[in-house]
Each structure stands twice: as C-alpha cells, then as structure tokens.
Amino acid sequence: MKMISVTLLAILVLAACNRNVLTGSKLTLDNYNKILGPPTSMETKDMLIFKKTIWRYEDGPKFAQITFKNDEVDSKDTNLGTQ
C-alpha cells in the first residue's frame, strides 16, 4: 500500500511540473504550445528564389520577431531585456 501511495505522489508531482508522466520530460506538446503560442501577426512573401515568413509577437511595447527563409529560422529580433 505504501508503494502505491509513493507512486501516486510521484505522478502528481510530475504532472504539476508539466512533465510527461511516463518519461518525466519537460518536452511536451503542452509546454511547447505555451512557449509563445500563435503569433500576433504573420506575413509571408514569395520572393523569386525563396519564401520569407515573419512571425511577430507583441505584448504592449514588448515584441519578439522570428524571420523564416524557406521555412527555416533565418533571424530573430526582440526588445525584451532592453526596457
């Protein structure tokens, strides 16, 4: 009975940390979706030789911007940490 209680307690602790209950990993779809969520705005331009997509996240004066070139991260910009 004590082993079952310890196991249930461990599962509850891991679940509270948003970890995968079976592996204990913090790399879960739930945590992934919490990182930034959907962008505030998104713009895609098809250039002659590549596709450029910009994801912009805004929260008041704060922003983070990720630029993709042919669906791979090309650059990122932010004003976080400067205010």
C-alpha atoms as a PDB file:
ATOM      1  CA  MET A   1       0.000   0.000   0.000  1.00  0.00           C
ATOM      2  CA  LYS A   2       2.870   2.375   0.807  1.00  0.00           C
ATOM      3  CA  MET A   3       4.429   1.752  -2.637  1.00  0.00           C
ATOM      4  CA  ILE A   4       1.168   2.692  -4.376  1.00  0.00           C
ATOM      5  CA  SER A   5       0.951   5.923  -2.352  1.00  0.00           C
ATOM      6  CA  VAL A   6       4.537   6.848  -3.230  1.00  0.00           C
ATOM      7  CA  THR A   7       3.889   6.120  -6.909  1.00  0.00           C
ATOM      8  CA  LEU A   8       0.712   8.222  -6.960  1.00  0.00           C
ATOM      9  CA  LEU A   9       2.502  11.075  -5.199  1.00  0.00           C
ATOM     10  CA  ALA A  10       5.328  10.942  -7.748  1.00  0.00           C
ATOM     11  CA  ILE A  11       2.840  11.057 -10.637  1.00  0.00           C
ATOM     12  CA  LEU A  12       1.065  14.056  -9.125  1.00  0.00           C
ATOM     13  CA  VAL A  13       4.342  15.909  -8.582  1.00  0.00           C
ATOM     14  CA  LEU A  14       5.452  15.258 -12.164  1.00  0.00           C
ATOM     15  CA  ALA A  15       2.075  16.302 -13.540  1.00  0.00           C
ATOM     16  CA  ALA A  16       2.228  19.539 -11.565  1.00  0.00           C
ATOM     17  CA  CYS A  17       5.540  20.375 -13.255  1.00  0.00           C
ATOM     18  CA  ASN A  18       4.049  19.946 -16.764  1.00  0.00           C
ATOM     19  CA  ARG A  19       6.237  16.936 -17.342  1.00  0.00           C
ATOM     20  CA  ASN A  20       5.383  13.828 -19.280  1.00  0.00           C
ATOM     21  CA  VAL A  21       4.111  11.443 -16.593  1.00  0.00           C
ATOM     22  CA  LEU A  22       5.737   8.415 -18.190  1.00  0.00           C
ATOM     23  CA  THR A  23       9.159   9.848 -19.072  1.00  0.00           C
ATOM     24  CA  GLY A  24       9.474  12.833 -16.719  1.00  0.00           C
ATOM     25  CA  SER A  25      10.461  15.023 -19.677  1.00  0.00           C
ATOM     26  CA  LYS A  26       9.527  18.716 -19.727  1.00  0.00           C
ATOM     27  CA  LEU A  27       9.479  18.490 -23.530  1.00  0.00           C
ATOM     28  CA  THR A  28       5.744  18.017 -24.020  1.00  0.00           C
ATOM     29  CA  LEU A  29       3.227  19.336 -26.547  1.00  0.00           C
ATOM     30  CA  ASP A  30       1.543  21.315 -23.764  1.00  0.00           C
ATOM     31  CA  ASN A  31       4.807  23.061 -22.833  1.00  0.00           C
ATOM     32  CA  TYR A  32       5.688  23.570 -26.497  1.00  0.00           C
ATOM     33  CA  ASN A  33       2.374  25.330 -27.102  1.00  0.00           C
ATOM     34  CA  LYS A  34       2.938  27.536 -24.034  1.00  0.00           C
ATOM     35  CA  ILE A  35       6.304  28.856 -25.251  1.00  0.00           C
ATOM     36  CA  LEU A  36       4.873  31.561 -27.491  1.00  0.00           C
ATOM     37  CA  GLY A  37       1.569  30.356 -28.860  1.00  0.00           C
ATOM     38  CA  PRO A  38       0.292  31.699 -32.156  1.00  0.00           C
ATOM     39  CA  PRO A  39       1.923  34.919 -33.408  1.00  0.00           C
ATOM     40  CA  THR A  40       0.195  38.288 -33.083  1.00  0.00           C
ATOM     41  CA  SER A  41       0.791  38.786 -36.793  1.00  0.00           C
ATOM     42  CA  MET A  42       2.254  36.744 -39.615  1.00  0.00           C
ATOM     43  CA  GLU A  43       3.369  37.859 -43.076  1.00  0.00           C
ATOM     44  CA  THR A  44       4.578  35.656 -45.925  1.00  0.00           C
ATOM     45  CA  LYS A  45       6.256  36.890 -49.098  1.00  0.00           C
ATOM     46  CA  ASP A  46       7.127  34.632 -52.005  1.00  0.00           C
ATOM     47  CA  MET A  47      10.317  36.077 -53.452  1.00  0.00           C
ATOM     48  CA  LEU A  48      11.788  34.867 -56.737  1.00  0.00           C
ATOM     49  CA  ILE A  49      14.266  32.454 -55.162  1.00  0.00           C
ATOM     50  CA  PHE A  50      12.942  31.978 -51.626  1.00  0.00           C
ATOM     51  CA  LYS A  51       9.933  32.320 -49.361  1.00  0.00           C
ATOM     52  CA  LYS A  52      10.158  34.736 -46.418  1.00  0.00           C
ATOM     53  CA  THR A  53       7.786  34.482 -43.447  1.00  0.00           C
ATOM     54  CA  ILE A  54       7.778  36.795 -40.440  1.00  0.00           C
ATOM     55  CA  TRP A  55       6.115  35.871 -37.151  1.00  0.00           C
ATOM     56  CA  ARG A  56       5.695  38.810 -34.783  1.00  0.00           C
ATOM     57  CA  TYR A  57       4.637  38.526 -31.155  1.00  0.00           C
ATOM     58  CA  GLU A  58       3.563  41.703 -29.368  1.00  0.00           C
ATOM     59  CA  ASP A  59       2.508  42.477 -25.826  1.00  0.00           C
ATOM     60  CA  GLY A  60       2.163  46.228 -25.411  1.00  0.00           C
ATOM     61  CA  PRO A  61       5.558  47.770 -26.136  1.00  0.00           C
ATOM     62  CA  LYS A  62       7.347  44.387 -25.969  1.00  0.00           C
ATOM     63  CA  PHE A  63       7.906  42.364 -29.113  1.00  0.00           C
ATOM     64  CA  ALA A  64       9.676  39.307 -30.446  1.00  0.00           C
ATOM     65  CA  GLN A  65      10.038  38.634 -34.159  1.00  0.00           C
ATOM     66  CA  ILE A  66      11.166  35.470 -35.929  1.00  0.00           C
ATOM     67  CA  THR A  67      12.003  35.519 -39.637  1.00  0.00           C
ATOM     68  CA  PHE A  68      11.943  32.299 -41.645  1.00  0.00           C
ATOM     69  CA  LYS A  69      13.595  31.836 -45.022  1.00  0.00           C
ATOM     70  CA  ASN A  70      12.297  28.783 -46.886  1.00  0.00           C
ATOM     71  CA  ASP A  71      10.675  27.560 -43.637  1.00  0.00           C
ATOM     72  CA  GLU A  72      13.939  27.674 -41.641  1.00  0.00           C
ATOM     73  CA  VAL A  73      14.764  30.269 -38.984  1.00  0.00           C
ATOM     74  CA  ASP A  74      16.809  32.995 -40.634  1.00  0.00           C
ATOM     75  CA  SER A  75      16.855  35.630 -37.885  1.00  0.00           C
ATOM     76  CA  LYS A  76      15.194  36.746 -34.691  1.00  0.00           C
ATOM     77  CA  ASP A  77      14.758  40.155 -33.086  1.00  0.00           C
ATOM     78  CA  THR A  78      13.318  41.436 -29.808  1.00  0.00           C
ATOM     79  CA  ASN A  79      13.319  44.349 -27.442  1.00  0.00           C
ATOM     80  CA  LEU A  80      12.965  42.092 -24.392  1.00  0.00           C
ATOM     81  CA  GLY A  81      15.642  42.794 -21.835  1.00  0.00           C
ATOM     82  CA  THR A  82      16.234  46.328 -23.085  1.00  0.00           C
ATOM     83  CA  GLN A  83      13.437  48.008 -21.164  1.00  0.00           C
END
